[in-house]
Amino acid sequence: MAAAAWGQAQGAPSAQIDKLVLPKDTEVRTGGSRMIEIDGGYHVWTKKVGDAPIKLLPNARAWISEKGSHGAMYDDQLPYFTELLTFLKSA
């Protein structure tokens, strides 16, 4: 996937036509992000910003919706909010 930018067309000042400007090479640009594997074989994109050491979240935990949807907040509301409130009260 190549990065692209919109730019104004070169030429006469009256030319108000926008054109898509693509890079001339085929290199994939990730902006310093990389894909890592986390528990359960899931792959996520991550990017470290700054020089500070990575901190672990001491009371972090995971909950998986029975409906298996990334939109559980909408698709599986009762169990989602029950678990969310339990987590917030334990913090």
N, C-alpha and C. Protein backbone atom coordinates (compact mmCIF):
# COMPACT_ATOMS: atom_id res chain seq x y z
N MET A 1 0.85 -1.16 0.00
CA MET A 1 0.00 0.00 0.00
C MET A 1 0.90 1.22 0.00
N ALA A 2 0.73 2.09 -0.92
CA ALA A 2 1.57 3.27 -1.04
C ALA A 2 0.90 4.46 -0.40
N ALA A 3 1.71 5.34 0.16
CA ALA A 3 1.18 6.58 0.71
C ALA A 3 0.90 7.52 -0.44
N ALA A 4 -0.12 8.30 -0.30
CA ALA A 4 -0.48 9.24 -1.36
C ALA A 4 -0.81 10.58 -0.74
N ALA A 5 -0.71 11.61 -1.53
CA ALA A 5 -1.04 12.95 -1.05
C ALA A 5 -1.79 13.69 -2.14
N TRP A 6 -2.64 14.58 -1.71
CA TRP A 6 -3.35 15.41 -2.68
C TRP A 6 -2.58 16.70 -2.82
N GLY A 7 -2.40 17.12 -4.03
CA GLY A 7 -1.69 18.36 -4.27
C GLY A 7 -2.36 19.12 -5.40
N GLN A 8 -2.09 20.42 -5.46
CA GLN A 8 -2.67 21.21 -6.53
C GLN A 8 -1.85 21.03 -7.79
N ALA A 9 -2.50 20.95 -8.91
CA ALA A 9 -1.84 20.75 -10.19
C ALA A 9 -0.92 21.92 -10.49
N GLN A 10 0.24 21.63 -11.06
CA GLN A 10 1.19 22.66 -11.46
C GLN A 10 0.71 23.29 -12.76
N GLY A 11 1.06 24.50 -12.97
CA GLY A 11 0.68 25.14 -14.23
C GLY A 11 0.17 26.54 -13.99
N ALA A 12 -0.70 26.95 -14.85
CA ALA A 12 -1.24 28.30 -14.77
C ALA A 12 -1.97 28.51 -13.45
N PRO A 13 -1.89 29.75 -12.91
CA PRO A 13 -2.58 30.04 -11.64
C PRO A 13 -4.07 29.76 -11.70
N SER A 14 -4.64 29.75 -12.89
CA SER A 14 -6.07 29.52 -12.99
C SER A 14 -6.42 28.03 -12.92
N ALA A 15 -5.39 27.16 -12.94
CA ALA A 15 -5.65 25.72 -12.89
C ALA A 15 -5.96 25.34 -11.45
N GLN A 16 -7.22 25.15 -11.12
CA GLN A 16 -7.65 24.80 -9.76
C GLN A 16 -8.01 23.33 -9.66
N ILE A 17 -7.35 22.49 -10.45
CA ILE A 17 -7.65 21.06 -10.49
C ILE A 17 -6.72 20.34 -9.52
N ASP A 18 -7.29 19.55 -8.61
CA ASP A 18 -6.48 18.74 -7.70
C ASP A 18 -6.13 17.43 -8.39
N LYS A 19 -4.95 16.92 -8.08
CA LYS A 19 -4.56 15.63 -8.64
C LYS A 19 -3.92 14.79 -7.54
N LEU A 20 -3.99 13.50 -7.68
CA LEU A 20 -3.41 12.56 -6.73
C LEU A 20 -1.93 12.40 -7.03
N VAL A 21 -1.07 12.62 -6.03
CA VAL A 21 0.37 12.51 -6.21
C VAL A 21 0.82 11.23 -5.52
N LEU A 22 1.30 10.25 -6.27
CA LEU A 22 1.76 8.98 -5.74
C LEU A 22 3.28 8.93 -5.72
N PRO A 23 3.88 8.18 -4.76
CA PRO A 23 5.34 8.03 -4.77
C PRO A 23 5.78 7.25 -6.01
N LYS A 24 7.02 7.47 -6.41
CA LYS A 24 7.52 6.84 -7.63
C LYS A 24 8.05 5.43 -7.39
N ASP A 25 8.25 5.03 -6.13
CA ASP A 25 8.72 3.68 -5.84
C ASP A 25 7.58 2.81 -5.31
N THR A 26 7.86 1.55 -5.04
CA THR A 26 6.82 0.63 -4.54
C THR A 26 7.04 0.26 -3.08
N GLU A 27 7.88 1.00 -2.38
CA GLU A 27 8.18 0.70 -0.99
C GLU A 27 6.95 0.93 -0.10
N VAL A 28 6.70 -0.01 0.82
CA VAL A 28 5.60 0.12 1.77
C VAL A 28 6.07 1.00 2.91
N ARG A 29 5.29 2.01 3.24
CA ARG A 29 5.66 2.93 4.32
C ARG A 29 4.74 2.66 5.52
N THR A 30 5.35 2.39 6.66
CA THR A 30 4.56 2.09 7.86
C THR A 30 4.67 3.18 8.91
N GLY A 31 5.50 4.17 8.69
CA GLY A 31 5.64 5.26 9.66
C GLY A 31 6.26 4.80 10.96
N GLY A 32 7.06 3.75 10.93
CA GLY A 32 7.70 3.25 12.14
C GLY A 32 6.88 2.22 12.91
N SER A 33 5.69 1.93 12.45
CA SER A 33 4.85 0.92 13.10
C SER A 33 5.32 -0.47 12.67
N ARG A 34 5.05 -1.45 13.51
CA ARG A 34 5.37 -2.83 13.15
C ARG A 34 4.27 -3.74 13.69
N MET A 35 4.15 -4.91 13.07
CA MET A 35 3.13 -5.87 13.50
C MET A 35 3.78 -6.85 14.48
N ILE A 36 3.11 -7.07 15.60
CA ILE A 36 3.60 -8.03 16.59
C ILE A 36 2.50 -9.04 16.88
N GLU A 37 2.89 -10.20 17.40
CA GLU A 37 1.93 -11.23 17.78
C GLU A 37 1.73 -11.16 19.29
N ILE A 38 0.48 -11.18 19.73
CA ILE A 38 0.18 -11.19 21.15
C ILE A 38 -0.47 -12.53 21.50
N ASP A 39 -0.73 -12.75 22.78
CA ASP A 39 -1.32 -14.02 23.23
C ASP A 39 -2.52 -14.41 22.38
N GLY A 40 -2.63 -15.68 22.11
CA GLY A 40 -3.76 -16.20 21.35
C GLY A 40 -3.54 -16.16 19.85
N GLY A 41 -2.34 -15.77 19.42
CA GLY A 41 -2.04 -15.76 18.00
C GLY A 41 -2.59 -14.56 17.25
N TYR A 42 -2.99 -13.52 17.99
CA TYR A 42 -3.51 -12.32 17.34
C TYR A 42 -2.35 -11.44 16.90
N HIS A 43 -2.52 -10.76 15.79
CA HIS A 43 -1.50 -9.83 15.29
C HIS A 43 -2.05 -8.42 15.36
N VAL A 44 -1.25 -7.51 15.93
CA VAL A 44 -1.66 -6.11 16.06
C VAL A 44 -0.53 -5.21 15.60
N TRP A 45 -0.88 -4.02 15.13
CA TRP A 45 0.11 -3.02 14.77
C TRP A 45 0.42 -2.19 15.99
N THR A 46 1.71 -1.86 16.19
CA THR A 46 2.11 -1.07 17.34
C THR A 46 3.23 -0.12 16.93
N LYS A 47 3.38 0.94 17.69
CA LYS A 47 4.45 1.90 17.43
C LYS A 47 4.89 2.46 18.77
N LYS A 48 6.18 2.40 19.04
CA LYS A 48 6.72 2.95 20.27
C LYS A 48 7.06 4.41 20.01
N VAL A 49 6.59 5.28 20.88
CA VAL A 49 6.86 6.70 20.76
C VAL A 49 7.65 7.13 21.97
N GLY A 50 8.80 7.75 21.75
CA GLY A 50 9.63 8.23 22.85
C GLY A 50 10.62 7.19 23.32
N ASP A 51 11.38 7.53 24.36
CA ASP A 51 12.44 6.66 24.87
C ASP A 51 12.09 6.02 26.21
N ALA A 52 10.91 6.30 26.73
CA ALA A 52 10.53 5.75 28.04
C ALA A 52 10.34 4.24 27.94
N PRO A 53 10.64 3.52 29.02
CA PRO A 53 10.40 2.07 29.01
C PRO A 53 8.91 1.76 28.90
N ILE A 54 8.60 0.62 28.33
CA ILE A 54 7.21 0.20 28.19
C ILE A 54 6.67 -0.20 29.56
N LYS A 55 5.49 0.30 29.90
CA LYS A 55 4.89 0.00 31.20
C LYS A 55 3.79 -1.03 31.01
N LEU A 56 3.71 -1.98 31.91
CA LEU A 56 2.62 -2.96 31.89
C LEU A 56 1.44 -2.42 32.66
N LEU A 57 0.25 -2.80 32.24
CA LEU A 57 -0.95 -2.39 32.95
C LEU A 57 -1.22 -3.42 34.05
N PRO A 58 -1.09 -3.04 35.31
CA PRO A 58 -1.14 -4.02 36.40
C PRO A 58 -2.46 -4.77 36.53
N ASN A 59 -3.58 -4.15 36.24
CA ASN A 59 -4.86 -4.85 36.43
C ASN A 59 -5.57 -5.07 35.10
N ALA A 60 -4.81 -5.17 34.02
CA ALA A 60 -5.40 -5.38 32.70
C ALA A 60 -5.96 -6.80 32.59
N ARG A 61 -7.01 -6.95 31.80
CA ARG A 61 -7.56 -8.27 31.53
C ARG A 61 -8.34 -8.21 30.23
N ALA A 62 -8.66 -9.36 29.72
CA ALA A 62 -9.37 -9.44 28.44
C ALA A 62 -10.74 -10.07 28.66
N TRP A 63 -11.67 -9.70 27.81
CA TRP A 63 -13.00 -10.30 27.81
C TRP A 63 -13.36 -10.55 26.36
N ILE A 64 -13.86 -11.72 26.05
CA ILE A 64 -14.23 -12.08 24.68
C ILE A 64 -15.73 -12.29 24.62
N SER A 65 -16.36 -11.58 23.73
CA SER A 65 -17.80 -11.66 23.56
C SER A 65 -18.19 -13.04 23.02
N GLU A 66 -19.29 -13.60 23.52
CA GLU A 66 -19.76 -14.88 22.99
C GLU A 66 -20.15 -14.77 21.53
N LYS A 67 -20.54 -13.57 21.12
CA LYS A 67 -20.88 -13.36 19.72
C LYS A 67 -19.64 -13.13 18.86
N GLY A 68 -18.48 -12.99 19.51
CA GLY A 68 -17.23 -12.88 18.78
C GLY A 68 -17.09 -11.65 17.92
N SER A 69 -17.70 -10.57 18.30
CA SER A 69 -17.69 -9.37 17.47
C SER A 69 -16.79 -8.30 18.05
N HIS A 70 -16.07 -7.60 17.17
CA HIS A 70 -15.29 -6.46 17.64
C HIS A 70 -16.23 -5.30 18.00
N GLY A 71 -17.47 -5.41 17.61
CA GLY A 71 -18.46 -4.39 17.94
C GLY A 71 -19.34 -4.82 19.09
N ALA A 72 -18.79 -5.54 20.08
CA ALA A 72 -19.57 -6.07 21.19
C ALA A 72 -20.30 -4.97 21.95
N MET A 73 -19.75 -3.77 21.96
CA MET A 73 -20.40 -2.67 22.65
C MET A 73 -21.80 -2.42 22.06
N TYR A 74 -21.96 -2.76 20.80
CA TYR A 74 -23.25 -2.57 20.14
C TYR A 74 -24.01 -3.90 19.98
N ASP A 75 -23.27 -4.98 19.68
CA ASP A 75 -23.89 -6.26 19.35
C ASP A 75 -24.23 -7.12 20.56
N ASP A 76 -23.53 -6.93 21.66
CA ASP A 76 -23.66 -7.81 22.82
C ASP A 76 -23.63 -6.93 24.08
N GLN A 77 -24.55 -5.97 24.16
CA GLN A 77 -24.45 -4.89 25.13
C GLN A 77 -24.50 -5.32 26.59
N LEU A 78 -25.42 -6.18 26.97
CA LEU A 78 -25.54 -6.54 28.39
C LEU A 78 -24.26 -7.16 28.94
N PRO A 79 -23.72 -8.23 28.31
CA PRO A 79 -22.48 -8.78 28.84
C PRO A 79 -21.30 -7.81 28.75
N TYR A 80 -21.26 -7.01 27.67
CA TYR A 80 -20.15 -6.07 27.50
C TYR A 80 -20.11 -5.06 28.65
N PHE A 81 -21.25 -4.41 28.91
CA PHE A 81 -21.27 -3.38 29.94
C PHE A 81 -21.19 -3.98 31.35
N THR A 82 -21.69 -5.19 31.54
CA THR A 82 -21.52 -5.87 32.83
C THR A 82 -20.04 -6.07 33.12
N GLU A 83 -19.30 -6.57 32.12
CA GLU A 83 -17.86 -6.79 32.29
C GLU A 83 -17.11 -5.47 32.43
N LEU A 84 -17.50 -4.47 31.66
CA LEU A 84 -16.84 -3.16 31.74
C LEU A 84 -17.02 -2.55 33.13
N LEU A 85 -18.22 -2.59 33.68
CA LEU A 85 -18.46 -2.04 35.00
C LEU A 85 -17.71 -2.81 36.08
N THR A 86 -17.66 -4.14 35.94
CA THR A 86 -16.88 -4.96 36.90
C THR A 86 -15.42 -4.54 36.87
N PHE A 87 -14.88 -4.35 35.67
CA PHE A 87 -13.48 -3.93 35.53
C PHE A 87 -13.25 -2.55 36.14
N LEU A 88 -14.14 -1.60 35.85
CA LEU A 88 -13.97 -0.23 36.38
C LEU A 88 -14.06 -0.20 37.90
N LYS A 89 -14.94 -1.01 38.48
CA LYS A 89 -15.07 -1.04 39.94
C LYS A 89 -13.86 -1.67 40.61
N SER A 90 -13.14 -2.53 39.90
CA SER A 90 -11.97 -3.21 40.48
C SER A 90 -10.72 -2.35 40.40
N ALA A 91 -10.75 -1.27 39.66
CA ALA A 91 -9.55 -0.43 39.47
C ALA A 91 -9.27 0.42 40.67
